[in-house]
Amino acid sequence: MASNNGKKIITMIDIEHIATFKWGSTQAKTLTDMRANMSRRQLEQKTIELGLKVAHQYIQQLEQPDYYATRLKSGTLTVSTEVVNVLCLALDADITDFFDTAKIITVAA
């Protein structure tokens, strides 16, 4: 996202080219809401079963980014695409649930 004379510009990039996402309070609330009655340890177990362990401690950091980001030199919490993808699989969600974006599906000819 860029700004040009006060206008918001959204650029679409294939997700395979993205290494990390900036993670903030909006994504944290979404994760907490999606997890609902599932404990962090249960979500951790689901991620293990899917092949990429996301530790319950890390899930806590993702749910409290403002607290943890202040401890980072950059002041910004980022999350790898792989972690976001496995959380989406574990929660039966889509990456667009976490980020304000349009979803475009291409069909092979």
PDB file of N, CA and C in Angstrom:
ATOM      1  N   MET A   1       0.852  -1.162   0.000  1.00  0.00           N
ATOM      2  CA  MET A   1       0.000   0.000   0.000  1.00  0.00           C
ATOM      3  C   MET A   1       0.896   1.221   0.000  1.00  0.00           C
ATOM      4  N   ALA A   2       0.570   2.161  -0.825  1.00  0.00           N
ATOM      5  CA  ALA A   2       1.304   3.402  -0.902  1.00  0.00           C
ATOM      6  C   ALA A   2       0.307   4.553  -0.916  1.00  0.00           C
ATOM      7  N   SER A   3       0.817   5.733  -0.770  1.00  0.00           N
ATOM      8  CA  SER A   3      -0.046   6.901  -0.795  1.00  0.00           C
ATOM      9  C   SER A   3       0.460   7.849  -1.863  1.00  0.00           C
ATOM     10  N   ASN A   4      -0.441   8.397  -2.625  1.00  0.00           N
ATOM     11  CA  ASN A   4      -0.100   9.334  -3.665  1.00  0.00           C
ATOM     12  C   ASN A   4      -1.065  10.509  -3.550  1.00  0.00           C
ATOM     13  N   ASN A   5      -0.559  11.642  -3.084  1.00  0.00           N
ATOM     14  CA  ASN A   5      -1.392  12.831  -2.905  1.00  0.00           C
ATOM     15  C   ASN A   5      -2.620  12.547  -2.038  1.00  0.00           C
ATOM     16  N   GLY A   6      -2.425  11.802  -0.972  1.00  0.00           N
ATOM     17  CA  GLY A   6      -3.511  11.501  -0.054  1.00  0.00           C
ATOM     18  C   GLY A   6      -4.424  10.379  -0.492  1.00  0.00           C
ATOM     19  N   LYS A   7      -4.175   9.786  -1.640  1.00  0.00           N
ATOM     20  CA  LYS A   7      -4.995   8.680  -2.120  1.00  0.00           C
ATOM     21  C   LYS A   7      -4.330   7.363  -1.735  1.00  0.00           C
ATOM     22  N   LYS A   8      -5.129   6.415  -1.317  1.00  0.00           N
ATOM     23  CA  LYS A   8      -4.632   5.087  -0.960  1.00  0.00           C
ATOM     24  C   LYS A   8      -4.486   4.261  -2.232  1.00  0.00           C
ATOM     25  N   ILE A   9      -3.292   3.716  -2.420  1.00  0.00           N
ATOM     26  CA  ILE A   9      -3.035   2.874  -3.583  1.00  0.00           C
ATOM     27  C   ILE A   9      -2.810   1.447  -3.095  1.00  0.00           C
ATOM     28  N   ILE A  10      -3.545   0.511  -3.635  1.00  0.00           N
ATOM     29  CA  ILE A  10      -3.390  -0.893  -3.285  1.00  0.00           C
ATOM     30  C   ILE A  10      -2.784  -1.608  -4.483  1.00  0.00           C
ATOM     31  N   THR A  11      -1.677  -2.308  -4.230  1.00  0.00           N
ATOM     32  CA  THR A  11      -1.003  -3.066  -5.272  1.00  0.00           C
ATOM     33  C   THR A  11      -1.138  -4.538  -4.959  1.00  0.00           C
ATOM     34  N   MET A  12      -1.530  -5.335  -5.938  1.00  0.00           N
ATOM     35  CA  MET A  12      -1.672  -6.766  -5.727  1.00  0.00           C
ATOM     36  C   MET A  12      -0.394  -7.483  -6.136  1.00  0.00           C
ATOM     37  N   ILE A  13       0.093  -8.338  -5.241  1.00  0.00           N
ATOM     38  CA  ILE A  13       1.296  -9.124  -5.476  1.00  0.00           C
ATOM     39  C   ILE A  13       0.968 -10.570  -5.137  1.00  0.00           C
ATOM     40  N   ASP A  14       1.393 -11.492  -5.974  1.00  0.00           N
ATOM     41  CA  ASP A  14       1.181 -12.913  -5.709  1.00  0.00           C
ATOM     42  C   ASP A  14       1.796 -13.253  -4.353  1.00  0.00           C
ATOM     43  N   ILE A  15       1.051 -13.935  -3.519  1.00  0.00           N
ATOM     44  CA  ILE A  15       1.488 -14.226  -2.153  1.00  0.00           C
ATOM     45  C   ILE A  15       2.761 -15.069  -2.096  1.00  0.00           C
ATOM     46  N   GLU A  16       3.057 -15.794  -3.164  1.00  0.00           N
ATOM     47  CA  GLU A  16       4.280 -16.606  -3.144  1.00  0.00           C
ATOM     48  C   GLU A  16       5.535 -15.735  -3.099  1.00  0.00           C
ATOM     49  N   HIS A  17       5.393 -14.442  -3.360  1.00  0.00           N
ATOM     50  CA  HIS A  17       6.530 -13.531  -3.337  1.00  0.00           C
ATOM     51  C   HIS A  17       6.636 -12.766  -2.022  1.00  0.00           C
ATOM     52  N   ILE A  18       5.764 -13.045  -1.082  1.00  0.00           N
ATOM     53  CA  ILE A  18       5.738 -12.342   0.201  1.00  0.00           C
ATOM     54  C   ILE A  18       6.364 -13.235   1.264  1.00  0.00           C
ATOM     55  N   ALA A  19       7.347 -12.719   1.993  1.00  0.00           N
ATOM     56  CA  ALA A  19       8.011 -13.494   3.043  1.00  0.00           C
ATOM     57  C   ALA A  19       7.351 -13.280   4.402  1.00  0.00           C
ATOM     58  N   THR A  20       7.013 -12.027   4.719  1.00  0.00           N
ATOM     59  CA  THR A  20       6.407 -11.729   6.017  1.00  0.00           C
ATOM     60  C   THR A  20       5.314 -10.684   5.871  1.00  0.00           C
ATOM     61  N   PHE A  21       4.451 -10.658   6.875  1.00  0.00           N
ATOM     62  CA  PHE A  21       3.386  -9.665   6.957  1.00  0.00           C
ATOM     63  C   PHE A  21       3.563  -8.862   8.233  1.00  0.00           C
ATOM     64  N   LYS A  22       3.230  -7.595   8.167  1.00  0.00           N
ATOM     65  CA  LYS A  22       3.169  -6.770   9.368  1.00  0.00           C
ATOM     66  C   LYS A  22       1.929  -7.217  10.138  1.00  0.00           C
ATOM     67  N   TRP A  23       2.094  -7.477  11.430  1.00  0.00           N
ATOM     68  CA  TRP A  23       1.014  -8.028  12.250  1.00  0.00           C
ATOM     69  C   TRP A  23       0.656  -7.015  13.328  1.00  0.00           C
ATOM     70  N   GLY A  24      -0.595  -6.610  13.367  1.00  0.00           N
ATOM     71  CA  GLY A  24      -1.032  -5.606  14.321  1.00  0.00           C
ATOM     72  C   GLY A  24      -2.256  -6.020  15.107  1.00  0.00           C
ATOM     73  N   SER A  25      -2.856  -5.048  15.754  1.00  0.00           N
ATOM     74  CA  SER A  25      -3.991  -5.326  16.638  1.00  0.00           C
ATOM     75  C   SER A  25      -5.212  -5.855  15.887  1.00  0.00           C
ATOM     76  N   THR A  26      -5.399  -5.453  14.636  1.00  0.00           N
ATOM     77  CA  THR A  26      -6.534  -5.961  13.857  1.00  0.00           C
ATOM     78  C   THR A  26      -6.390  -7.457  13.620  1.00  0.00           C
ATOM     79  N   GLN A  27      -5.194  -7.885  13.209  1.00  0.00           N
ATOM     80  CA  GLN A  27      -4.945  -9.305  12.985  1.00  0.00           C
ATOM     81  C   GLN A  27      -5.017 -10.078  14.309  1.00  0.00           C
ATOM     82  N   ALA A  28      -4.542  -9.476  15.378  1.00  0.00           N
ATOM     83  CA  ALA A  28      -4.580 -10.117  16.699  1.00  0.00           C
ATOM     84  C   ALA A  28      -6.014 -10.403  17.122  1.00  0.00           C
ATOM     85  N   LYS A  29      -6.878  -9.423  16.957  1.00  0.00           N
ATOM     86  CA  LYS A  29      -8.279  -9.610  17.340  1.00  0.00           C
ATOM     87  C   LYS A  29      -8.930 -10.683  16.472  1.00  0.00           C
ATOM     88  N   THR A  30      -8.617 -10.681  15.199  1.00  0.00           N
ATOM     89  CA  THR A  30      -9.160 -11.695  14.292  1.00  0.00           C
ATOM     90  C   THR A  30      -8.724 -13.083  14.740  1.00  0.00           C
ATOM     91  N   LEU A  31      -7.443 -13.236  15.061  1.00  0.00           N
ATOM     92  CA  LEU A  31      -6.931 -14.536  15.517  1.00  0.00           C
ATOM     93  C   LEU A  31      -7.632 -14.965  16.800  1.00  0.00           C
ATOM     94  N   THR A  32      -7.750 -14.067  17.749  1.00  0.00           N
ATOM     95  CA  THR A  32      -8.407 -14.378  19.022  1.00  0.00           C
ATOM     96  C   THR A  32      -9.863 -14.783  18.790  1.00  0.00           C
ATOM     97  N   ASP A  33     -10.557 -14.026  17.938  1.00  0.00           N
ATOM     98  CA  ASP A  33     -11.960 -14.338  17.645  1.00  0.00           C
ATOM     99  C   ASP A  33     -12.099 -15.684  16.941  1.00  0.00           C
ATOM    100  N   MET A  34     -11.204 -15.974  15.996  1.00  0.00           N
ATOM    101  CA  MET A  34     -11.271 -17.244  15.269  1.00  0.00           C
ATOM    102  C   MET A  34     -10.965 -18.426  16.181  1.00  0.00           C
ATOM    103  N   ARG A  35     -10.038 -18.216  17.094  1.00  0.00           N
ATOM    104  CA  ARG A  35      -9.664 -19.291  18.008  1.00  0.00           C
ATOM    105  C   ARG A  35     -10.818 -19.612  18.949  1.00  0.00           C
ATOM    106  N   ALA A  36     -11.611 -18.628  19.293  1.00  0.00           N
ATOM    107  CA  ALA A  36     -12.809 -18.760  20.132  1.00  0.00           C
ATOM    108  C   ALA A  36     -12.562 -19.615  21.371  1.00  0.00           C
ATOM    109  N   ASN A  37     -13.172 -20.785  21.434  1.00  0.00           N
ATOM    110  CA  ASN A  37     -13.054 -21.657  22.614  1.00  0.00           C
ATOM    111  C   ASN A  37     -11.883 -22.624  22.533  1.00  0.00           C
ATOM    112  N   MET A  38     -11.120 -22.563  21.463  1.00  0.00           N
ATOM    113  CA  MET A  38      -9.946 -23.425  21.325  1.00  0.00           C
ATOM    114  C   MET A  38      -8.790 -22.812  22.118  1.00  0.00           C
ATOM    115  N   SER A  39      -8.140 -23.613  22.928  1.00  0.00           N
ATOM    116  CA  SER A  39      -6.993 -23.098  23.687  1.00  0.00           C
ATOM    117  C   SER A  39      -5.807 -22.891  22.751  1.00  0.00           C
ATOM    118  N   ARG A  40      -4.850 -22.107  23.203  1.00  0.00           N
ATOM    119  CA  ARG A  40      -3.629 -21.898  22.410  1.00  0.00           C
ATOM    120  C   ARG A  40      -2.888 -23.218  22.222  1.00  0.00           C
ATOM    121  N   ARG A  41      -2.881 -24.054  23.239  1.00  0.00           N
ATOM    122  CA  ARG A  41      -2.215 -25.362  23.131  1.00  0.00           C
ATOM    123  C   ARG A  41      -2.921 -26.260  22.118  1.00  0.00           C
ATOM    124  N   GLN A  42      -4.240 -26.188  22.064  1.00  0.00           N
ATOM    125  CA  GLN A  42      -4.974 -26.965  21.061  1.00  0.00           C
ATOM    126  C   GLN A  42      -4.652 -26.472  19.656  1.00  0.00           C
ATOM    127  N   LEU A  43      -4.560 -25.155  19.494  1.00  0.00           N
ATOM    128  CA  LEU A  43      -4.200 -24.607  18.193  1.00  0.00           C
ATOM    129  C   LEU A  43      -2.769 -25.002  17.832  1.00  0.00           C
ATOM    130  N   GLU A  44      -1.874 -24.976  18.804  1.00  0.00           N
ATOM    131  CA  GLU A  44      -0.505 -25.433  18.578  1.00  0.00           C
ATOM    132  C   GLU A  44      -0.509 -26.873  18.067  1.00  0.00           C
ATOM    133  N   GLN A  45      -1.288 -27.731  18.698  1.00  0.00           N
ATOM    134  CA  GLN A  45      -1.352 -29.137  18.300  1.00  0.00           C
ATOM    135  C   GLN A  45      -1.859 -29.294  16.867  1.00  0.00           C
ATOM    136  N   LYS A  46      -2.866 -28.495  16.508  1.00  0.00           N
ATOM    137  CA  LYS A  46      -3.383 -28.561  15.133  1.00  0.00           C
ATOM    138  C   LYS A  46      -2.312 -28.156  14.132  1.00  0.00           C
ATOM    139  N   THR A  47      -1.498 -27.149  14.484  1.00  0.00           N
ATOM    140  CA  THR A  47      -0.442 -26.728  13.564  1.00  0.00           C
ATOM    141  C   THR A  47       0.632 -27.801  13.438  1.00  0.00           C
ATOM    142  N   ILE A  48       0.911 -28.496  14.525  1.00  0.00           N
ATOM    143  CA  ILE A  48       1.877 -29.608  14.479  1.00  0.00           C
ATOM    144  C   ILE A  48       1.376 -30.676  13.517  1.00  0.00           C
ATOM    145  N   GLU A  49       0.099 -31.007  13.634  1.00  0.00           N
ATOM    146  CA  GLU A  49      -0.503 -32.020  12.757  1.00  0.00           C
ATOM    147  C   GLU A  49      -0.458 -31.602  11.288  1.00  0.00           C
ATOM    148  N   LEU A  50      -0.432 -30.298  11.044  1.00  0.00           N
ATOM    149  CA  LEU A  50      -0.372 -29.783   9.679  1.00  0.00           C
ATOM    150  C   LEU A  50       1.065 -29.641   9.168  1.00  0.00           C
ATOM    151  N   GLY A  51       2.034 -29.925  10.032  1.00  0.00           N
ATOM    152  CA  GLY A  51       3.428 -29.948   9.589  1.00  0.00           C
ATOM    153  C   GLY A  51       4.274 -28.743   9.915  1.00  0.00           C
ATOM    154  N   LEU A  52       3.723 -27.723  10.575  1.00  0.00           N
ATOM    155  CA  LEU A  52       4.512 -26.557  10.973  1.00  0.00           C
ATOM    156  C   LEU A  52       4.070 -26.112  12.355  1.00  0.00           C
ATOM    157  N   LYS A  53       4.872 -26.441  13.353  1.00  0.00           N
ATOM    158  CA  LYS A  53       4.519 -26.107  14.728  1.00  0.00           C
ATOM    159  C   LYS A  53       4.549 -24.594  14.943  1.00  0.00           C
ATOM    160  N   VAL A  54       3.420 -24.080  15.426  1.00  0.00           N
ATOM    161  CA  VAL A  54       3.336 -22.703  15.893  1.00  0.00           C
ATOM    162  C   VAL A  54       3.095 -22.817  17.395  1.00  0.00           C
ATOM    163  N   ALA A  55       4.123 -22.531  18.177  1.00  0.00           N
ATOM    164  CA  ALA A  55       4.076 -22.723  19.626  1.00  0.00           C
ATOM    165  C   ALA A  55       3.003 -21.841  20.269  1.00  0.00           C
ATOM    166  N   HIS A  56       2.410 -22.355  21.341  1.00  0.00           N
ATOM    167  CA  HIS A  56       1.356 -21.600  22.027  1.00  0.00           C
ATOM    168  C   HIS A  56       1.879 -20.257  22.546  1.00  0.00           C
ATOM    169  N   GLN A  57       3.167 -20.195  22.881  1.00  0.00           N
ATOM    170  CA  GLN A  57       3.750 -18.933  23.334  1.00  0.00           C
ATOM    171  C   GLN A  57       3.772 -17.915  22.186  1.00  0.00           C
ATOM    172  N   TYR A  58       4.058 -18.398  20.984  1.00  0.00           N
ATOM    173  CA  TYR A  58       4.075 -17.514  19.815  1.00  0.00           C
ATOM    174  C   TYR A  58       2.663 -17.057  19.476  1.00  0.00           C
ATOM    175  N   ILE A  59       1.699 -17.946  19.632  1.00  0.00           N
ATOM    176  CA  ILE A  59       0.298 -17.581  19.405  1.00  0.00           C
ATOM    177  C   ILE A  59      -0.092 -16.462  20.370  1.00  0.00           C
ATOM    178  N   GLN A  60       0.374 -16.548  21.610  1.00  0.00           N
ATOM    179  CA  GLN A  60       0.110 -15.483  22.588  1.00  0.00           C
ATOM    180  C   GLN A  60       0.710 -14.165  22.106  1.00  0.00           C
ATOM    181  N   GLN A  61       1.928 -14.203  21.583  1.00  0.00           N
ATOM    182  CA  GLN A  61       2.554 -12.989  21.054  1.00  0.00           C
ATOM    183  C   GLN A  61       1.722 -12.407  19.909  1.00  0.00           C
ATOM    184  N   LEU A  62       1.213 -13.292  19.056  1.00  0.00           N
ATOM    185  CA  LEU A  62       0.402 -12.828  17.935  1.00  0.00           C
ATOM    186  C   LEU A  62      -0.911 -12.211  18.404  1.00  0.00           C
ATOM    187  N   GLU A  63      -1.406 -12.668  19.553  1.00  0.00           N
ATOM    188  CA  GLU A  63      -2.654 -12.117  20.085  1.00  0.00           C
ATOM    189  C   GLU A  63      -2.427 -10.858  20.917  1.00  0.00           C
ATOM    190  N   GLN A  64      -1.176 -10.547  21.226  1.00  0.00           N
ATOM    191  CA  GLN A  64      -0.848  -9.344  21.998  1.00  0.00           C
ATOM    192  C   GLN A  64       0.312  -8.585  21.336  1.00  0.00           C
ATOM    193  N   PRO A  65       0.170  -8.213  20.066  1.00  0.00           N
ATOM    194  CA  PRO A  65       1.296  -7.636  19.327  1.00  0.00           C
ATOM    195  C   PRO A  65       1.786  -6.306  19.880  1.00  0.00           C
ATOM    196  N   ASP A  66       0.901  -5.495  20.421  1.00  0.00           N
ATOM    197  CA  ASP A  66       1.326  -4.198  20.930  1.00  0.00           C
ATOM    198  C   ASP A  66       2.300  -4.353  22.092  1.00  0.00           C
ATOM    199  N   TYR A  67       2.054  -5.324  22.939  1.00  0.00           N
ATOM    200  CA  TYR A  67       2.936  -5.586  24.076  1.00  0.00           C
ATOM    201  C   TYR A  67       4.295  -6.097  23.601  1.00  0.00           C
ATOM    202  N   TYR A  68       4.288  -7.064  22.702  1.00  0.00           N
ATOM    203  CA  TYR A  68       5.533  -7.691  22.269  1.00  0.00           C
ATOM    204  C   TYR A  68       6.322  -6.832  21.278  1.00  0.00           C
ATOM    205  N   ALA A  69       5.638  -6.042  20.463  1.00  0.00           N
ATOM    206  CA  ALA A  69       6.330  -5.202  19.484  1.00  0.00           C
ATOM    207  C   ALA A  69       7.215  -4.167  20.164  1.00  0.00           C
ATOM    208  N   THR A  70       6.826  -3.704  21.337  1.00  0.00           N
ATOM    209  CA  THR A  70       7.639  -2.704  22.047  1.00  0.00           C
ATOM    210  C   THR A  70       8.979  -3.278  22.478  1.00  0.00           C
ATOM    211  N   ARG A  71       9.083  -4.584  22.553  1.00  0.00           N
ATOM    212  CA  ARG A  71      10.334  -5.242  22.940  1.00  0.00           C
ATOM    213  C   ARG A  71      11.268  -5.475  21.753  1.00  0.00           C
ATOM    214  N   LEU A  72      10.775  -5.244  20.551  1.00  0.00           N
ATOM    215  CA  LEU A  72      11.568  -5.455  19.350  1.00  0.00           C
ATOM    216  C   LEU A  72      12.260  -4.163  18.937  1.00  0.00           C
ATOM    217  N   LYS A  73      13.442  -4.296  18.388  1.00  0.00           N
ATOM    218  CA  LYS A  73      14.195  -3.127  17.928  1.00  0.00           C
ATOM    219  C   LYS A  73      13.400  -2.332  16.897  1.00  0.00           C
ATOM    220  N   SER A  74      12.725  -3.052  15.992  1.00  0.00           N
ATOM    221  CA  SER A  74      11.954  -2.390  14.938  1.00  0.00           C
ATOM    222  C   SER A  74      10.656  -1.783  15.459  1.00  0.00           C
ATOM    223  N   GLY A  75      10.160  -2.303  16.585  1.00  0.00           N
ATOM    224  CA  GLY A  75       8.884  -1.834  17.112  1.00  0.00           C
ATOM    225  C   GLY A  75       7.685  -2.375  16.367  1.00  0.00           C
ATOM    226  N   THR A  76       7.930  -3.290  15.438  1.00  0.00           N
ATOM    227  CA  THR A  76       6.869  -3.859  14.613  1.00  0.00           C
ATOM    228  C   THR A  76       6.964  -5.374  14.630  1.00  0.00           C
ATOM    229  N   LEU A  77       5.840  -6.019  14.873  1.00  0.00           N
ATOM    230  CA  LEU A  77       5.790  -7.479  14.848  1.00  0.00           C
ATOM    231  C   LEU A  77       5.474  -7.921  13.423  1.00  0.00           C
ATOM    232  N   THR A  78       6.280  -8.839  12.908  1.00  0.00           N
ATOM    233  CA  THR A  78       6.017  -9.414  11.590  1.00  0.00           C
ATOM    234  C   THR A  78       5.857 -10.918  11.736  1.00  0.00           C
ATOM    235  N   VAL A  79       5.112 -11.508  10.806  1.00  0.00           N
ATOM    236  CA  VAL A  79       4.816 -12.932  10.832  1.00  0.00           C
ATOM    237  C   VAL A  79       5.080 -13.507   9.445  1.00  0.00           C
ATOM    238  N   SER A  80       5.715 -14.669   9.409  1.00  0.00           N
ATOM    239  CA  SER A  80       6.011 -15.281   8.117  1.00  0.00           C
ATOM    240  C   SER A  80       4.732 -15.750   7.433  1.00  0.00           C
ATOM    241  N   THR A  81       4.803 -15.781   6.125  1.00  0.00           N
ATOM    242  CA  THR A  81       3.688 -16.273   5.325  1.00  0.00           C
ATOM    243  C   THR A  81       3.348 -17.706   5.699  1.00  0.00           C
ATOM    244  N   GLU A  82       4.380 -18.513   5.967  1.00  0.00           N
ATOM    245  CA  GLU A  82       4.156 -19.913   6.327  1.00  0.00           C
ATOM    246  C   GLU A  82       3.334 -20.034   7.606  1.00  0.00           C
ATOM    247  N   VAL A  83       3.645 -19.208   8.607  1.00  0.00           N
ATOM    248  CA  VAL A  83       2.901 -19.251   9.873  1.00  0.00           C
ATOM    249  C   VAL A  83       1.455 -18.825   9.645  1.00  0.00           C
ATOM    250  N   VAL A  84       1.249 -17.743   8.912  1.00  0.00           N
ATOM    251  CA  VAL A  84      -0.120 -17.293   8.637  1.00  0.00           C
ATOM    252  C   VAL A  84      -0.894 -18.380   7.891  1.00  0.00           C
ATOM    253  N   ASN A  85      -0.256 -19.006   6.912  1.00  0.00           N
ATOM    254  CA  ASN A  85      -0.931 -20.063   6.148  1.00  0.00           C
ATOM    255  C   ASN A  85      -1.321 -21.249   7.023  1.00  0.00           C
ATOM    256  N   VAL A  86      -0.431 -21.704   7.894  1.00  0.00           N
ATOM    257  CA  VAL A  86      -0.762 -22.858   8.740  1.00  0.00           C
ATOM    258  C   VAL A  86      -1.839 -22.488   9.760  1.00  0.00           C
ATOM    259  N   LEU A  87      -1.819 -21.264  10.263  1.00  0.00           N
ATOM    260  CA  LEU A  87      -2.892 -20.837  11.167  1.00  0.00           C
ATOM    261  C   LEU A  87      -4.226 -20.819  10.428  1.00  0.00           C
ATOM    262  N   CYS A  88      -4.216 -20.364   9.186  1.00  0.00           N
ATOM    263  CA  CYS A  88      -5.449 -20.369   8.389  1.00  0.00           C
ATOM    264  C   CYS A  88      -5.972 -21.791   8.203  1.00  0.00           C
ATOM    265  N   LEU A  89      -5.083 -22.715   7.890  1.00  0.00           N
ATOM    266  CA  LEU A  89      -5.499 -24.111   7.735  1.00  0.00           C
ATOM    267  C   LEU A  89      -6.057 -24.668   9.038  1.00  0.00           C
ATOM    268  N   ALA A  90      -5.374 -24.396  10.136  1.00  0.00           N
ATOM    269  CA  ALA A  90      -5.800 -24.922  11.443  1.00  0.00           C
ATOM    270  C   ALA A  90      -7.134 -24.339  11.880  1.00  0.00           C
ATOM    271  N   LEU A  91      -7.414 -23.116  11.463  1.00  0.00           N
ATOM    272  CA  LEU A  91      -8.641 -22.437  11.888  1.00  0.00           C
ATOM    273  C   LEU A  91      -9.719 -22.449  10.807  1.00  0.00           C
ATOM    274  N   ASP A  92      -9.454 -23.176   9.703  1.00  0.00           N
ATOM    275  CA  ASP A  92     -10.383 -23.227   8.577  1.00  0.00           C
ATOM    276  C   ASP A  92     -10.744 -21.813   8.124  1.00  0.00           C
ATOM    277  N   ALA A  93      -9.686 -21.020   7.928  1.00  0.00           N
ATOM    278  CA  ALA A  93      -9.848 -19.621   7.551  1.00  0.00           C
ATOM    279  C   ALA A  93      -9.093 -19.353   6.255  1.00  0.00           C
ATOM    280  N   ASP A  94      -9.193 -18.131   5.802  1.00  0.00           N
ATOM    281  CA  ASP A  94      -8.495 -17.699   4.598  1.00  0.00           C
ATOM    282  C   ASP A  94      -7.624 -16.503   4.977  1.00  0.00           C
ATOM    283  N   ILE A  95      -6.516 -16.337   4.292  1.00  0.00           N
ATOM    284  CA  ILE A  95      -5.601 -15.247   4.604  1.00  0.00           C
ATOM    285  C   ILE A  95      -6.292 -13.887   4.496  1.00  0.00           C
ATOM    286  N   THR A  96      -7.303 -13.799   3.637  1.00  0.00           N
ATOM    287  CA  THR A  96      -8.033 -12.545   3.513  1.00  0.00           C
ATOM    288  C   THR A  96      -8.862 -12.229   4.757  1.00  0.00           C
ATOM    289  N   ASP A  97      -9.054 -13.213   5.628  1.00  0.00           N
ATOM    290  CA  ASP A  97      -9.738 -12.951   6.892  1.00  0.00           C
ATOM    291  C   ASP A  97      -8.876 -12.081   7.815  1.00  0.00           C
ATOM    292  N   PHE A  98      -7.565 -12.165   7.653  1.00  0.00           N
ATOM    293  CA  PHE A  98      -6.643 -11.419   8.502  1.00  0.00           C
ATOM    294  C   PHE A  98      -6.276 -10.044   7.951  1.00  0.00           C
ATOM    295  N   PHE A  99      -6.289  -9.903   6.637  1.00  0.00           N
ATOM    296  CA  PHE A  99      -5.802  -8.678   6.023  1.00  0.00           C
ATOM    297  C   PHE A  99      -6.859  -8.052   5.140  1.00  0.00           C
ATOM    298  N   ASP A 100      -6.959  -6.743   5.198  1.00  0.00           N
ATOM    299  CA  ASP A 100      -7.926  -5.980   4.420  1.00  0.00           C
ATOM    300  C   ASP A 100      -7.479  -5.993   2.968  1.00  0.00           C
ATOM    301  N   THR A 101      -8.054  -6.895   2.208  1.00  0.00           N
ATOM    302  CA  THR A 101      -7.618  -7.067   0.834  1.00  0.00           C
ATOM    303  C   THR A 101      -8.737  -7.663  -0.005  1.00  0.00           C
ATOM    304  N   ALA A 102      -8.538  -7.599  -1.279  1.00  0.00           N
ATOM    305  CA  ALA A 102      -9.464  -8.254  -2.208  1.00  0.00           C
ATOM    306  C   ALA A 102      -8.902  -9.618  -2.541  1.00  0.00           C
ATOM    307  N   LYS A 103      -9.761 -10.556  -2.802  1.00  0.00           N
ATOM    308  CA  LYS A 103      -9.324 -11.896  -3.169  1.00  0.00           C
ATOM    309  C   LYS A 103      -9.659 -12.115  -4.643  1.00  0.00           C
ATOM    310  N   ILE A 104      -8.630 -12.416  -5.407  1.00  0.00           N
ATOM    311  CA  ILE A 104      -8.806 -12.659  -6.832  1.00  0.00           C
ATOM    312  C   ILE A 104      -8.399 -14.101  -7.111  1.00  0.00           C
ATOM    313  N   ILE A 105      -9.255 -14.838  -7.771  1.00  0.00           N
ATOM    314  CA  ILE A 105      -8.976 -16.230  -8.090  1.00  0.00           C
ATOM    315  C   ILE A 105      -8.790 -16.324  -9.598  1.00  0.00           C
ATOM    316  N   THR A 106      -7.668 -16.899 -10.005  1.00  0.00           N
ATOM    317  CA  THR A 106      -7.431 -17.072 -11.428  1.00  0.00           C
ATOM    318  C   THR A 106      -7.730 -18.519 -11.800  1.00  0.00           C
ATOM    319  N   VAL A 107      -8.225 -18.707 -13.001  1.00  0.00           N
ATOM    320  CA  VAL A 107      -8.564 -20.036 -13.492  1.00  0.00           C
ATOM    321  C   VAL A 107      -7.648 -20.330 -14.673  1.00  0.00           C
ATOM    322  N   ALA A 108      -7.029 -21.509 -14.630  1.00  0.00           N
ATOM    323  CA  ALA A 108      -6.158 -21.915 -15.730  1.00  0.00           C
ATOM    324  C   ALA A 108      -6.984 -22.114 -16.988  1.00  0.00           C
ATOM    325  N   ALA A 109      -6.424 -21.703 -18.102  1.00  0.00           N
ATOM    326  CA  ALA A 109      -7.140 -21.814 -19.384  1.00  0.00           C
ATOM    327  C   ALA A 109      -7.097 -23.217 -19.929  1.00  0.00           C
TER     328      ALA A 109
END
